[in-house]
C-alpha atoms as a PDB file:
ATOM      1  CA  MET A   1      16.000 -47.882  69.723  1.00  0.00           C
ATOM      2  CA  PRO A   2      17.613 -47.465  73.184  1.00  0.00           C
ATOM      3  CA  ARG A   3      19.803 -44.414  73.639  1.00  0.00           C
ATOM      4  CA  LEU A   4      22.656 -43.800  76.014  1.00  0.00           C
ATOM      5  CA  PRO A   5      22.100 -40.311  77.502  1.00  0.00           C
ATOM      6  CA  GLY A   6      24.709 -37.618  77.322  1.00  0.00           C
ATOM      7  CA  LEU A   7      26.082 -35.103  74.846  1.00  0.00           C
ATOM      8  CA  PRO A   8      25.908 -36.474  72.303  1.00  0.00           C
ATOM      9  CA  GLY A   9      23.504 -39.329  72.977  1.00  0.00           C
ATOM     10  CA  VAL A  10      24.485 -42.743  71.611  1.00  0.00           C
ATOM     11  CA  GLU A  11      21.915 -44.923  69.863  1.00  0.00           C
ATOM     12  CA  ILE A  12      22.311 -48.621  70.655  1.00  0.00           C
ATOM     13  CA  THR A  13      21.007 -51.535  68.580  1.00  0.00           C
ATOM     14  CA  LEU A  14      20.000 -54.491  70.739  1.00  0.00           C
ATOM     15  CA  ARG A  15      20.589 -57.960  69.320  1.00  0.00           C
ATOM     16  CA  ARG A  16      19.408 -61.043  71.192  1.00  0.00           C
ATOM     17  CA  SER A  17      21.320 -64.208  70.458  1.00  0.00           C
ATOM     18  CA  ALA A  18      20.749 -67.803  71.518  1.00  0.00           C
ATOM     19  CA  ARG A  19      24.517 -68.283  71.449  1.00  0.00           C
ATOM     20  CA  ALA A  20      25.322 -65.268  73.643  1.00  0.00           C
ATOM     21  CA  ARG A  21      26.286 -66.127  77.218  1.00  0.00           C
ATOM     22  CA  ARG A  22      27.036 -62.567  78.348  1.00  0.00           C
ATOM     23  CA  PHE A  23      26.582 -58.963  77.322  1.00  0.00           C
ATOM     24  CA  SER A  24      28.941 -57.602  74.682  1.00  0.00           C
ATOM     25  CA  LEU A  25      29.293 -54.248  72.950  1.00  0.00           C
ATOM     26  CA  ARG A  26      30.591 -53.721  69.408  1.00  0.00           C
ATOM     27  CA  VAL A  27      31.266 -50.525  67.482  1.00  0.00           C
ATOM     28  CA  SER A  28      31.295 -51.041  63.723  1.00  0.00           C
ATOM     29  CA  ARG A  29      34.546 -49.841  62.197  1.00  0.00           C
ATOM     30  CA  LEU A  30      32.665 -48.997  59.011  1.00  0.00           C
ATOM     31  CA  ASP A  31      29.864 -46.715  60.144  1.00  0.00           C
ATOM     32  CA  GLY A  32      30.073 -46.427  63.925  1.00  0.00           C
ATOM     33  CA  THR A  33      26.904 -48.411  64.606  1.00  0.00           C
ATOM     34  CA  VAL A  34      26.812 -49.570  68.251  1.00  0.00           C
ATOM     35  CA  THR A  35      25.447 -53.090  68.775  1.00  0.00           C
ATOM     36  CA  LEU A  36      24.744 -54.586  72.215  1.00  0.00           C
ATOM     37  CA  SER A  37      24.430 -58.367  72.133  1.00  0.00           C
ATOM     38  CA  LEU A  38      22.584 -60.080  74.981  1.00  0.00           C
ATOM     39  CA  PRO A  39      21.391 -63.591  75.848  1.00  0.00           C
ATOM     40  CA  GLN A  40      17.820 -64.493  74.906  1.00  0.00           C
ATOM     41  CA  GLY A  41      16.498 -64.383  78.470  1.00  0.00           C
ATOM     42  CA  ALA A  42      18.355 -61.306  79.647  1.00  0.00           C
ATOM     43  CA  ARG A  43      16.485 -58.209  80.740  1.00  0.00           C
ATOM     44  CA  GLU A  44      16.877 -55.105  78.578  1.00  0.00           C
ATOM     45  CA  ALA A  45      17.384 -52.962  81.679  1.00  0.00           C
ATOM     46  CA  GLU A  46      20.367 -55.091  82.669  1.00  0.00           C
ATOM     47  CA  ALA A  47      21.796 -54.827  79.166  1.00  0.00           C
ATOM     48  CA  LEU A  48      21.538 -51.028  79.209  1.00  0.00           C
ATOM     49  CA  ALA A  49      23.135 -50.911  82.638  1.00  0.00           C
ATOM     50  CA  PHE A  50      26.057 -52.857  81.191  1.00  0.00           C
ATOM     51  CA  ALA A  51      26.297 -50.335  78.336  1.00  0.00           C
ATOM     52  CA  ARG A  52      26.387 -47.481  80.833  1.00  0.00           C
ATOM     53  CA  SER A  53      29.177 -49.202  82.740  1.00  0.00           C
ATOM     54  CA  GLN A  54      31.193 -49.267  79.486  1.00  0.00           C
ATOM     55  CA  GLU A  55      30.433 -45.671  78.541  1.00  0.00           C
ATOM     56  CA  ASP A  56      34.046 -44.414  78.731  1.00  0.00           C
ATOM     57  CA  TRP A  57      35.255 -47.181  76.418  1.00  0.00           C
ATOM     58  CA  LEU A  58      32.280 -46.710  74.081  1.00  0.00           C
ATOM     59  CA  ARG A  59      32.736 -42.979  73.674  1.00  0.00           C
ATOM     60  CA  ALA A  60      36.479 -43.366  73.147  1.00  0.00           C
ATOM     61  CA  ALA A  61      35.822 -45.925  70.399  1.00  0.00           C
ATOM     62  CA  LEU A  62      33.313 -43.593  68.714  1.00  0.00           C
ATOM     63  CA  ALA A  63      35.744 -40.674  68.975  1.00  0.00           C
ATOM     64  CA  ARG A  64      38.272 -42.630  66.915  1.00  0.00           C
ATOM     65  CA  MET A  65      35.789 -43.011  64.037  1.00  0.00           C
ATOM     66  CA  PRO A  66      36.427 -40.825  60.982  1.00  0.00           C
ATOM     67  CA  ARG A  67      34.188 -37.781  60.817  1.00  0.00           C
ATOM     68  CA  VAL A  68      31.401 -38.031  58.266  1.00  0.00           C
ATOM     69  CA  ALA A  69      31.985 -35.581  55.403  1.00  0.00           C
ATOM     70  CA  VAL A  70      29.345 -34.587  52.836  1.00  0.00           C
ATOM     71  CA  VAL A  71      30.912 -34.437  49.387  1.00  0.00           C
ATOM     72  CA  GLY A  72      30.161 -31.357  47.261  1.00  0.00           C
ATOM     73  CA  ALA A  73      31.804 -28.875  44.959  1.00  0.00           C
ATOM     74  CA  GLY A  74      35.240 -27.997  46.340  1.00  0.00           C
ATOM     75  CA  THR A  75      35.600 -31.219  48.361  1.00  0.00           C
ATOM     76  CA  VAL A  76      38.843 -33.172  47.960  1.00  0.00           C
ATOM     77  CA  ILE A  77      38.149 -36.908  47.521  1.00  0.00           C
ATOM     78  CA  PRO A  78      40.281 -39.978  46.784  1.00  0.00           C
ATOM     79  CA  VAL A  79      39.977 -41.519  43.329  1.00  0.00           C
ATOM     80  CA  GLU A  80      42.123 -44.609  42.679  1.00  0.00           C
ATOM     81  CA  GLY A  81      44.328 -43.648  45.603  1.00  0.00           C
ATOM     82  CA  ARG A  82      45.058 -40.047  44.695  1.00  0.00           C
ATOM     83  CA  MET A  83      43.361 -36.971  46.060  1.00  0.00           C
ATOM     84  CA  VAL A  84      41.435 -34.839  43.592  1.00  0.00           C
ATOM     85  CA  ARG A  85      39.230 -31.754  43.966  1.00  0.00           C
ATOM     86  CA  LEU A  86      35.596 -32.022  42.940  1.00  0.00           C
ATOM     87  CA  ASP A  87      34.685 -29.043  40.753  1.00  0.00           C
ATOM     88  CA  CYS A  88      31.764 -28.079  38.531  1.00  0.00           C
ATOM     89  CA  GLY A  89      32.644 -27.542  34.887  1.00  0.00           C
ATOM     90  CA  PRO A  90      31.059 -27.107  31.454  1.00  0.00           C
ATOM     91  CA  GLY A  91      29.990 -29.863  29.144  1.00  0.00           C
ATOM     92  CA  ARG A  92      27.776 -32.897  29.603  1.00  0.00           C
ATOM     93  CA  VAL A  93      30.132 -35.525  30.990  1.00  0.00           C
ATOM     94  CA  PRO A  94      32.546 -35.625  33.926  1.00  0.00           C
ATOM     95  CA  VAL A  95      36.191 -34.922  33.109  1.00  0.00           C
ATOM     96  CA  MET A  96      39.009 -36.389  35.194  1.00  0.00           C
ATOM     97  CA  SER A  97      42.487 -34.836  35.362  1.00  0.00           C
ATOM     98  CA  ASP A  98      45.509 -35.408  37.568  1.00  0.00           C
ATOM     99  CA  ASP A  99      44.206 -33.282  40.438  1.00  0.00           C
ATOM    100  CA  SER A 100      40.529 -32.621  39.746  1.00  0.00           C
ATOM    101  CA  LEU A 101      37.233 -34.210  38.816  1.00  0.00           C
ATOM    102  CA  GLN A 102      34.928 -31.814  36.970  1.00  0.00           C
ATOM    103  CA  VAL A 103      31.244 -32.684  36.802  1.00  0.00           C
ATOM    104  CA  PRO A 104      28.649 -30.732  34.826  1.00  0.00           C
ATOM    105  CA  GLY A 105      25.490 -29.133  36.126  1.00  0.00           C
ATOM    106  CA  ASP A 106      24.235 -27.450  39.284  1.00  0.00           C
ATOM    107  CA  PRO A 107      26.823 -27.442  42.118  1.00  0.00           C
ATOM    108  CA  ALA A 108      24.087 -28.674  44.468  1.00  0.00           C
ATOM    109  CA  GLY A 109      24.157 -32.048  42.726  1.00  0.00           C
ATOM    110  CA  ALA A 110      27.946 -32.314  42.365  1.00  0.00           C
ATOM    111  CA  GLY A 111      28.267 -35.057  44.991  1.00  0.00           C
ATOM    112  CA  ALA A 112      25.613 -37.290  43.428  1.00  0.00           C
ATOM    113  CA  ARG A 113      27.100 -36.864  39.933  1.00  0.00           C
ATOM    114  CA  ALA A 114      30.576 -37.637  41.280  1.00  0.00           C
ATOM    115  CA  ALA A 115      29.229 -40.827  42.835  1.00  0.00           C
ATOM    116  CA  ALA A 116      27.641 -41.850  39.538  1.00  0.00           C
ATOM    117  CA  PHE A 117      30.980 -41.306  37.774  1.00  0.00           C
ATOM    118  CA  LEU A 118      32.852 -43.294  40.407  1.00  0.00           C
ATOM    119  CA  LYS A 119      30.418 -46.228  40.151  1.00  0.00           C
ATOM    120  CA  LEU A 120      30.967 -46.449  36.386  1.00  0.00           C
ATOM    121  CA  LEU A 121      34.730 -46.280  36.860  1.00  0.00           C
ATOM    122  CA  ALA A 122      34.540 -48.917  39.600  1.00  0.00           C
ATOM    123  CA  ARG A 123      32.585 -51.304  37.361  1.00  0.00           C
ATOM    124  CA  ASP A 124      35.150 -50.864  34.567  1.00  0.00           C
ATOM    125  CA  ARG A 125      38.172 -51.429  36.836  1.00  0.00           C
ATOM    126  CA  LEU A 126      36.604 -54.369  38.715  1.00  0.00           C
ATOM    127  CA  ALA A 127      35.452 -56.064  35.522  1.00  0.00           C
ATOM    128  CA  GLN A 128      38.980 -55.819  34.113  1.00  0.00           C
ATOM    129  CA  ALA A 129      40.507 -57.225  37.302  1.00  0.00           C
ATOM    130  CA  CYS A 130      37.948 -60.045  37.680  1.00  0.00           C
ATOM    131  CA  ASP A 131      38.260 -61.027  34.024  1.00  0.00           C
ATOM    132  CA  ARG A 132      42.031 -61.236  34.409  1.00  0.00           C
ATOM    133  CA  HIS A 133      41.966 -63.265  37.620  1.00  0.00           C
ATOM    134  CA  ALA A 134      39.150 -65.550  36.437  1.00  0.00           C
ATOM    135  CA  ALA A 135      41.048 -66.316  33.214  1.00  0.00           C
ATOM    136  CA  ARG A 136      44.148 -67.178  35.196  1.00  0.00           C
ATOM    137  CA  LEU A 137      42.134 -69.389  37.521  1.00  0.00           C
ATOM    138  CA  GLY A 138      40.264 -71.007  34.656  1.00  0.00           C
ATOM    139  CA  ARG A 139      36.870 -70.429  36.304  1.00  0.00           C
ATOM    140  CA  PRO A 140      34.460 -67.846  34.857  1.00  0.00           C
ATOM    141  CA  TYR A 141      32.180 -65.851  37.090  1.00  0.00           C
ATOM    142  CA  ALA A 142      28.445 -65.474  36.442  1.00  0.00           C
ATOM    143  CA  ARG A 143      27.945 -61.705  36.791  1.00  0.00           C
ATOM    144  CA  LEU A 144      29.319 -58.662  38.598  1.00  0.00           C
ATOM    145  CA  THR A 145      27.241 -56.228  40.614  1.00  0.00           C
ATOM    146  CA  LEU A 146      28.099 -53.141  42.688  1.00  0.00           C
ATOM    147  CA  ARG A 147      26.533 -52.023  45.955  1.00  0.00           C
ATOM    148  CA  ASP A 148      27.281 -49.578  48.750  1.00  0.00           C
ATOM    149  CA  THR A 149      27.935 -52.271  51.344  1.00  0.00           C
ATOM    150  CA  ARG A 150      29.051 -51.543  54.904  1.00  0.00           C
ATOM    151  CA  SER A 151      29.915 -54.991  56.209  1.00  0.00           C
ATOM    152  CA  ARG A 152      32.131 -56.295  53.423  1.00  0.00           C
ATOM    153  CA  TRP A 153      34.131 -55.128  50.414  1.00  0.00           C
ATOM    154  CA  GLY A 154      33.074 -57.993  48.205  1.00  0.00           C
ATOM    155  CA  SER A 155      31.354 -61.368  48.110  1.00  0.00           C
ATOM    156  CA  CYS A 156      31.020 -64.423  45.906  1.00  0.00           C
ATOM    157  CA  ALA A 157      27.728 -66.312  45.755  1.00  0.00           C
ATOM    158  CA  ALA A 158      27.367 -70.065  45.221  1.00  0.00           C
ATOM    159  CA  ASP A 159      26.196 -69.450  41.624  1.00  0.00           C
ATOM    160  CA  GLY A 160      29.431 -67.591  40.796  1.00  0.00           C
ATOM    161  CA  SER A 161      28.005 -64.067  41.089  1.00  0.00           C
ATOM    162  CA  LEU A 162      30.462 -61.471  42.349  1.00  0.00           C
ATOM    163  CA  MET A 163      29.466 -58.379  44.337  1.00  0.00           C
ATOM    164  CA  PHE A 164      31.700 -55.470  45.300  1.00  0.00           C
ATOM    165  CA  SER A 165      31.492 -52.157  47.102  1.00  0.00           C
ATOM    166  CA  TRP A 166      31.799 -49.395  44.524  1.00  0.00           C
ATOM    167  CA  ARG A 167      33.825 -47.423  47.081  1.00  0.00           C
ATOM    168  CA  LEU A 168      36.821 -49.600  46.217  1.00  0.00           C
ATOM    169  CA  ILE A 169      37.446 -47.221  43.331  1.00  0.00           C
ATOM    170  CA  MET A 170      38.609 -44.646  45.888  1.00  0.00           C
ATOM    171  CA  ALA A 171      41.301 -47.010  47.236  1.00  0.00           C
ATOM    172  CA  PRO A 172      44.725 -47.415  45.560  1.00  0.00           C
ATOM    173  CA  PRO A 173      44.492 -49.715  42.481  1.00  0.00           C
ATOM    174  CA  PRO A 174      46.395 -52.604  44.154  1.00  0.00           C
ATOM    175  CA  VAL A 175      43.746 -52.727  46.886  1.00  0.00           C
ATOM    176  CA  LEU A 176      40.904 -53.005  44.359  1.00  0.00           C
ATOM    177  CA  ASP A 177      42.882 -55.643  42.496  1.00  0.00           C
ATOM    178  CA  TYR A 178      43.381 -57.682  45.665  1.00  0.00           C
ATOM    179  CA  VAL A 179      39.671 -57.630  46.559  1.00  0.00           C
ATOM    180  CA  ALA A 180      38.854 -58.788  43.023  1.00  0.00           C
ATOM    181  CA  ALA A 181      41.384 -61.613  43.351  1.00  0.00           C
ATOM    182  CA  HIS A 182      39.961 -62.551  46.782  1.00  0.00           C
ATOM    183  CA  GLU A 183      36.428 -62.939  45.468  1.00  0.00           C
ATOM    184  CA  VAL A 184      37.482 -64.709  42.277  1.00  0.00           C
ATOM    185  CA  ALA A 185      39.427 -67.179  44.450  1.00  0.00           C
ATOM    186  CA  HIS A 186      36.119 -68.155  46.037  1.00  0.00           C
ATOM    187  CA  LEU A 187      35.092 -69.601  42.680  1.00  0.00           C
ATOM    188  CA  ALA A 188      37.564 -72.355  43.438  1.00  0.00           C
ATOM    189  CA  GLN A 189      37.323 -72.421  47.245  1.00  0.00           C
ATOM    190  CA  MET A 190      34.056 -71.256  48.856  1.00  0.00           C
ATOM    191  CA  ASN A 191      35.693 -70.869  52.282  1.00  0.00           C
ATOM    192  CA  HIS A 192      38.661 -69.249  53.979  1.00  0.00           C
ATOM    193  CA  SER A 193      40.721 -72.375  54.415  1.00  0.00           C
ATOM    194  CA  PRO A 194      44.492 -72.602  53.806  1.00  0.00           C
ATOM    195  CA  ALA A 195      43.614 -73.908  50.345  1.00  0.00           C
ATOM    196  CA  PHE A 196      41.636 -70.721  49.652  1.00  0.00           C
ATOM    197  CA  TRP A 197      44.486 -68.473  50.753  1.00  0.00           C
ATOM    198  CA  ALA A 198      46.826 -70.472  48.517  1.00  0.00           C
ATOM    199  CA  VAL A 199      44.633 -69.586  45.576  1.00  0.00           C
ATOM    200  CA  VAL A 200      44.615 -65.911  46.596  1.00  0.00           C
ATOM    201  CA  ALA A 201      48.419 -65.948  46.857  1.00  0.00           C
ATOM    202  CA  ARG A 202      48.659 -67.436  43.371  1.00  0.00           C
ATOM    203  CA  LEU A 203      46.393 -64.746  41.908  1.00  0.00           C
ATOM    204  CA  TYR A 204      47.693 -61.855  44.010  1.00  0.00           C
ATOM    205  CA  PRO A 205      50.951 -62.648  45.857  1.00  0.00           C
ATOM    206  CA  ASP A 206      51.258 -59.438  47.913  1.00  0.00           C
ATOM    207  CA  HIS A 207      47.789 -59.606  49.400  1.00  0.00           C
ATOM    208  CA  ALA A 208      48.974 -58.886  52.972  1.00  0.00           C
ATOM    209  CA  ALA A 209      49.787 -55.242  52.152  1.00  0.00           C
ATOM    210  CA  ALA A 210      46.364 -54.640  50.587  1.00  0.00           C
ATOM    211  CA  ARG A 211      44.631 -56.246  53.540  1.00  0.00           C
ATOM    212  CA  ARG A 212      46.559 -53.980  55.934  1.00  0.00           C
ATOM    213  CA  TRP A 213      45.509 -50.926  53.918  1.00  0.00           C
ATOM    214  CA  LEU A 214      41.849 -51.888  54.088  1.00  0.00           C
ATOM    215  CA  LYS A 215      42.044 -52.474  57.816  1.00  0.00           C
ATOM    216  CA  ALA A 216      43.778 -49.140  58.467  1.00  0.00           C
ATOM    217  CA  GLU A 217      42.197 -46.871  55.875  1.00  0.00           C
ATOM    218  CA  GLY A 218      39.066 -48.522  54.552  1.00  0.00           C
ATOM    219  CA  GLN A 219      36.665 -47.128  57.089  1.00  0.00           C
ATOM    220  CA  ALA A 220      37.502 -43.581  55.983  1.00  0.00           C
ATOM    221  CA  LEU A 221      35.990 -44.342  52.580  1.00  0.00           C
ATOM    222  CA  HIS A 222      32.644 -45.039  54.230  1.00  0.00           C
ATOM    223  CA  ALA A 223      32.735 -41.685  56.000  1.00  0.00           C
ATOM    224  CA  LEU A 224      32.207 -39.865  52.707  1.00  0.00           C
ATOM    225  CA  ARG A 225      28.548 -39.044  51.941  1.00  0.00           C
ATOM    226  CA  PHE A 226      27.860 -38.168  48.326  1.00  0.00           C
ATOM    227  CA  THR A 227      24.339 -36.961  48.949  1.00  0.00           C
ATOM    228  CA  PRO A 228      23.286 -34.561  51.707  1.00  0.00           C
ATOM    229  CA  PRO A 229      21.542 -36.150  54.712  1.00  0.00           C
ATOM    230  CA  LYS A 230      17.754 -36.090  54.642  1.00  0.00           C
ATOM    231  CA  GLY A 231      16.419 -32.772  55.831  1.00  0.00           C
ATOM    232  CA  ALA A 232      19.606 -30.865  55.026  1.00  0.00           C
ATOM    233  CA  GLY A 233      18.759 -27.430  53.722  1.00  0.00           C
ATOM    234  CA  ASP A 234      15.040 -27.748  54.659  1.00  0.00           C
END
């Protein structure tokens, strides 16, 4: 993978495209990945020269990205829109209170156990929301799955299967509810046409506020790492 020199160095993913007519740089708002698109016949050296010419812009964009934080005992994390402290406690199951989430076991595994708890909570909340919206729409969905996606918060497949990012459970409940309504709406309109947005508005009228929240705050949810990076502590 090419790397822009400097402190720190910047790794760049090259993507050739038959549709590209010029060089273009993109910094993912979700994880900070830098992608350099270039026409099929372009020389890699020319593409990297373009990246170097845009170095000031590139580093400024990366500087605006949320700092990655490894979650562990004592970390404050968002759960359904409110900030709670992750602690280690007795017992065999996690216990949630107004301002804390206590997980059992060794503090070294607190982040992973917190993630497991959040995934279960996310499935419960998303299933409730999707069931409600699907019943109102009169169109059942096939199944619901959770993933740790970076490029989208949810999706609806042609067979009616719904997929969501489990990190939605950290957002305020109205935001999770909107994303559920958005994907359920695709059961009726598999597009983003005015007809689709009319269905979304029927299921969730105030969707503009939730969309603004995701655009402004959503990337911070991806900056939380619930397991230490590989090699940490070696």
